[in-house]
């Protein structure tokens, strides 16, 4: 492995054909991390003074932003997450005593 270029502080060079052994507990061969994104209430919404509705972070393929008006379908997708989706996942992980990571937006936490 070569050292990073002096003009760039990050080392992005791959390990190639000989990656280091991670030495996981019990000689496990794979590591899995579960991450829940909690964003409900922090998406673009004209109620928050945004000029348009959310259109990038969605399951609606090809959605265009609604300028100056509310987008009921988009809002309902996000509202499902805070009302039911997050809690469904929380129960599943808790019942199985499985750790997970939650990436959360501060505004979403404040509102929920």
C-alpha atoms as a PDB file:
ATOM      1  CA  UNK A   1       0.000   0.000   0.000  1.00  0.00           C
ATOM      2  CA  UNK A   2       1.441   3.331  -1.027  1.00  0.00           C
ATOM      3  CA  UNK A   3       1.151   6.465   1.132  1.00  0.00           C
ATOM      4  CA  UNK A   4      -1.442   9.081   0.147  1.00  0.00           C
ATOM      5  CA  UNK A   5      -0.371  11.847  -2.189  1.00  0.00           C
ATOM      6  CA  UNK A   6       1.046  14.771  -0.199  1.00  0.00           C
ATOM      7  CA  UNK A   7      -1.424  17.195  -1.780  1.00  0.00           C
ATOM      8  CA  UNK A   8      -4.460  15.240  -0.541  1.00  0.00           C
ATOM      9  CA  UNK A   9      -5.055  14.371   3.118  1.00  0.00           C
ATOM     10  CA  UNK A  10      -7.214  11.269   2.575  1.00  0.00           C
ATOM     11  CA  UNK A  11      -5.975   7.793   1.645  1.00  0.00           C
ATOM     12  CA  UNK A  12      -8.331   6.446  -1.013  1.00  0.00           C
ATOM     13  CA  UNK A  13      -6.034   3.776  -2.407  1.00  0.00           C
ATOM     14  CA  UNK A  14      -7.668   0.336  -2.343  1.00  0.00           C
ATOM     15  CA  UNK A  15      -6.157  -2.830  -0.884  1.00  0.00           C
ATOM     16  CA  UNK A  16      -6.063  -4.619  -4.226  1.00  0.00           C
ATOM     17  CA  UNK A  17      -5.712  -8.395  -4.202  1.00  0.00           C
ATOM     18  CA  UNK A  18      -4.600  -8.637  -0.539  1.00  0.00           C
ATOM     19  CA  UNK A  19      -7.018  -6.899   1.837  1.00  0.00           C
ATOM     20  CA  UNK A  20      -6.094  -7.004   5.536  1.00  0.00           C
ATOM     21  CA  UNK A  21      -7.874  -9.582   7.680  1.00  0.00           C
ATOM     22  CA  UNK A  22     -10.424  -7.747   9.853  1.00  0.00           C
ATOM     23  CA  UNK A  23     -10.101 -10.239  12.761  1.00  0.00           C
ATOM     24  CA  UNK A  24     -13.798 -10.249  13.615  1.00  0.00           C
ATOM     25  CA  UNK A  25     -15.002 -12.056  16.771  1.00  0.00           C
ATOM     26  CA  UNK A  26     -15.462 -15.801  16.325  1.00  0.00           C
ATOM     27  CA  UNK A  27     -13.684 -15.607  12.955  1.00  0.00           C
ATOM     28  CA  UNK A  28     -16.909 -14.294  11.407  1.00  0.00           C
ATOM     29  CA  UNK A  29     -16.681 -13.854   7.656  1.00  0.00           C
ATOM     30  CA  UNK A  30     -19.169 -11.043   7.317  1.00  0.00           C
ATOM     31  CA  UNK A  31     -20.271  -8.019   9.335  1.00  0.00           C
ATOM     32  CA  UNK A  32     -23.725  -6.515   8.955  1.00  0.00           C
ATOM     33  CA  UNK A  33     -24.780  -3.099  10.163  1.00  0.00           C
ATOM     34  CA  UNK A  34     -28.423  -2.046  10.301  1.00  0.00           C
ATOM     35  CA  UNK A  35     -29.085   1.670   9.922  1.00  0.00           C
ATOM     36  CA  UNK A  36     -32.432   3.433  10.219  1.00  0.00           C
ATOM     37  CA  UNK A  37     -32.684   6.894   8.663  1.00  0.00           C
ATOM     38  CA  UNK A  38     -35.060   9.080  10.659  1.00  0.00           C
ATOM     39  CA  UNK A  39     -35.849  12.180   8.611  1.00  0.00           C
ATOM     40  CA  UNK A  40     -39.603  12.582   9.044  1.00  0.00           C
ATOM     41  CA  UNK A  41     -40.447  16.229   9.565  1.00  0.00           C
ATOM     42  CA  UNK A  42     -37.193  17.573   8.187  1.00  0.00           C
ATOM     43  CA  UNK A  43     -37.889  17.162   4.471  1.00  0.00           C
ATOM     44  CA  UNK A  44     -38.514  20.183   2.238  1.00  0.00           C
ATOM     45  CA  UNK A  45     -42.021  21.473   2.891  1.00  0.00           C
ATOM     46  CA  UNK A  46     -43.616  24.832   2.222  1.00  0.00           C
ATOM     47  CA  UNK A  47     -44.994  24.799   5.802  1.00  0.00           C
ATOM     48  CA  UNK A  48     -41.385  25.326   6.900  1.00  0.00           C
ATOM     49  CA  UNK A  49     -40.834  28.219   4.508  1.00  0.00           C
ATOM     50  CA  UNK A  50     -39.220  26.110   1.788  1.00  0.00           C
ATOM     51  CA  UNK A  51     -40.058  27.264  -1.724  1.00  0.00           C
ATOM     52  CA  UNK A  52     -41.017  23.798  -2.878  1.00  0.00           C
ATOM     53  CA  UNK A  53     -41.877  20.310  -1.718  1.00  0.00           C
ATOM     54  CA  UNK A  54     -39.367  17.512  -1.264  1.00  0.00           C
ATOM     55  CA  UNK A  55     -38.477  15.735  -4.497  1.00  0.00           C
ATOM     56  CA  UNK A  56     -35.063  14.155  -4.057  1.00  0.00           C
ATOM     57  CA  UNK A  57     -35.389  11.861  -1.039  1.00  0.00           C
ATOM     58  CA  UNK A  58     -38.424   9.817  -1.991  1.00  0.00           C
ATOM     59  CA  UNK A  59     -39.699   6.506  -3.276  1.00  0.00           C
ATOM     60  CA  UNK A  60     -41.728   8.381  -5.910  1.00  0.00           C
ATOM     61  CA  UNK A  61     -39.731   7.816  -9.092  1.00  0.00           C
ATOM     62  CA  UNK A  62     -39.286  10.927 -11.215  1.00  0.00           C
ATOM     63  CA  UNK A  63     -41.241  13.201  -8.894  1.00  0.00           C
ATOM     64  CA  UNK A  64     -40.996  16.930  -9.563  1.00  0.00           C
ATOM     65  CA  UNK A  65     -41.056  19.494  -6.770  1.00  0.00           C
ATOM     66  CA  UNK A  66     -44.336  21.297  -6.200  1.00  0.00           C
ATOM     67  CA  UNK A  67     -43.493  24.994  -6.037  1.00  0.00           C
ATOM     68  CA  UNK A  68     -45.430  27.043  -3.506  1.00  0.00           C
ATOM     69  CA  UNK A  69     -47.991  24.338  -2.670  1.00  0.00           C
ATOM     70  CA  UNK A  70     -48.069  21.308  -0.417  1.00  0.00           C
ATOM     71  CA  UNK A  71     -47.430  17.846  -1.849  1.00  0.00           C
ATOM     72  CA  UNK A  72     -49.873  15.585   0.012  1.00  0.00           C
ATOM     73  CA  UNK A  73     -48.440  12.347  -1.375  1.00  0.00           C
ATOM     74  CA  UNK A  74     -44.874  13.263  -0.412  1.00  0.00           C
ATOM     75  CA  UNK A  75     -45.920  14.433   3.042  1.00  0.00           C
ATOM     76  CA  UNK A  76     -47.839  11.207   3.649  1.00  0.00           C
ATOM     77  CA  UNK A  77     -44.766   9.113   2.802  1.00  0.00           C
ATOM     78  CA  UNK A  78     -42.751  10.923   5.438  1.00  0.00           C
ATOM     79  CA  UNK A  79     -45.594  10.885   7.966  1.00  0.00           C
ATOM     80  CA  UNK A  80     -45.863   7.092   7.666  1.00  0.00           C
ATOM     81  CA  UNK A  81     -42.268   6.834   8.815  1.00  0.00           C
ATOM     82  CA  UNK A  82     -42.819   8.740  12.046  1.00  0.00           C
ATOM     83  CA  UNK A  83     -46.240   7.257  12.783  1.00  0.00           C
ATOM     84  CA  UNK A  84     -45.603   3.605  12.000  1.00  0.00           C
ATOM     85  CA  UNK A  85     -42.448   2.769  10.034  1.00  0.00           C
ATOM     86  CA  UNK A  86     -39.847   3.689  12.626  1.00  0.00           C
ATOM     87  CA  UNK A  87     -41.791   2.027  15.443  1.00  0.00           C
ATOM     88  CA  UNK A  88     -42.253  -1.153  13.433  1.00  0.00           C
ATOM     89  CA  UNK A  89     -38.501  -1.404  12.905  1.00  0.00           C
ATOM     90  CA  UNK A  90     -37.830  -0.483  16.543  1.00  0.00           C
ATOM     91  CA  UNK A  91     -40.025  -3.375  17.709  1.00  0.00           C
ATOM     92  CA  UNK A  92     -38.314  -5.825  15.345  1.00  0.00           C
ATOM     93  CA  UNK A  93     -34.826  -4.898  16.509  1.00  0.00           C
ATOM     94  CA  UNK A  94     -35.796  -4.715  20.192  1.00  0.00           C
ATOM     95  CA  UNK A  95     -37.589  -8.089  20.192  1.00  0.00           C
ATOM     96  CA  UNK A  96     -34.498  -9.724  18.740  1.00  0.00           C
ATOM     97  CA  UNK A  97     -32.053  -7.777  20.907  1.00  0.00           C
ATOM     98  CA  UNK A  98     -30.301  -6.651  17.706  1.00  0.00           C
ATOM     99  CA  UNK A  99     -28.253  -3.466  17.753  1.00  0.00           C
ATOM    100  CA  UNK A 100     -28.813  -0.874  15.070  1.00  0.00           C
ATOM    101  CA  UNK A 101     -27.694   2.639  14.280  1.00  0.00           C
ATOM    102  CA  UNK A 102     -30.123   5.514  13.811  1.00  0.00           C
ATOM    103  CA  UNK A 103     -29.124   8.400  11.565  1.00  0.00           C
ATOM    104  CA  UNK A 104     -31.518  11.146  12.553  1.00  0.00           C
ATOM    105  CA  UNK A 105     -32.120  14.740  11.535  1.00  0.00           C
ATOM    106  CA  UNK A 106     -32.356  17.046  14.556  1.00  0.00           C
ATOM    107  CA  UNK A 107     -35.557  18.680  13.306  1.00  0.00           C
ATOM    108  CA  UNK A 108     -37.187  15.270  12.869  1.00  0.00           C
ATOM    109  CA  UNK A 109     -36.311  14.332  16.446  1.00  0.00           C
ATOM    110  CA  UNK A 110     -37.543  17.671  17.752  1.00  0.00           C
ATOM    111  CA  UNK A 111     -40.901  17.275  16.033  1.00  0.00           C
ATOM    112  CA  UNK A 112     -41.473  13.641  16.913  1.00  0.00           C
END
